[in-house]
């Protein structure tokens, strides 16, 4: 095949440092737009961006021109710097060191979009940690609790 053809949907999840609930209503929509814009600038088309007070979810198409790790590095670095410009309350804003990334079957896009859109309702019933544990279990990911929740 002489062409390189890809369409890889990825669901990215990462939290604020120590899961501090700092993503307030006054900044969340702007933050989600900024995260999506950063993905777009890296040629990773954002499908949906959302989250909760202490974490974000990004569903995007991974560009064939960038490694997943580099995408996360740029998204987290740029948005962390941007958040620090949003006022005194955000001057110590940081993302956690790690992240989670999951491939998404195109037939499941609607389900993942609804999941991201309903984070506030979802987290009335479950914590971020339990949410992640459920995703890890569904994907068969083995992890060590001592190192996942920085």
Foldseek 3Di string as FASTA:
>chain_A
DPDDDDWWKKKKKWWWALLPLQCDPVCFVVLQVLLQVLCVVVVWHWPDWAAGSTMIITITTDDPVDDPVVSVVRSQVVSLVVQCVVDPSSVPIHIYPDMDMDTDDPVCVVVVRVVRVCRVVVVVPDDPVVVVVVVCVVVVHDDDPVPDRD
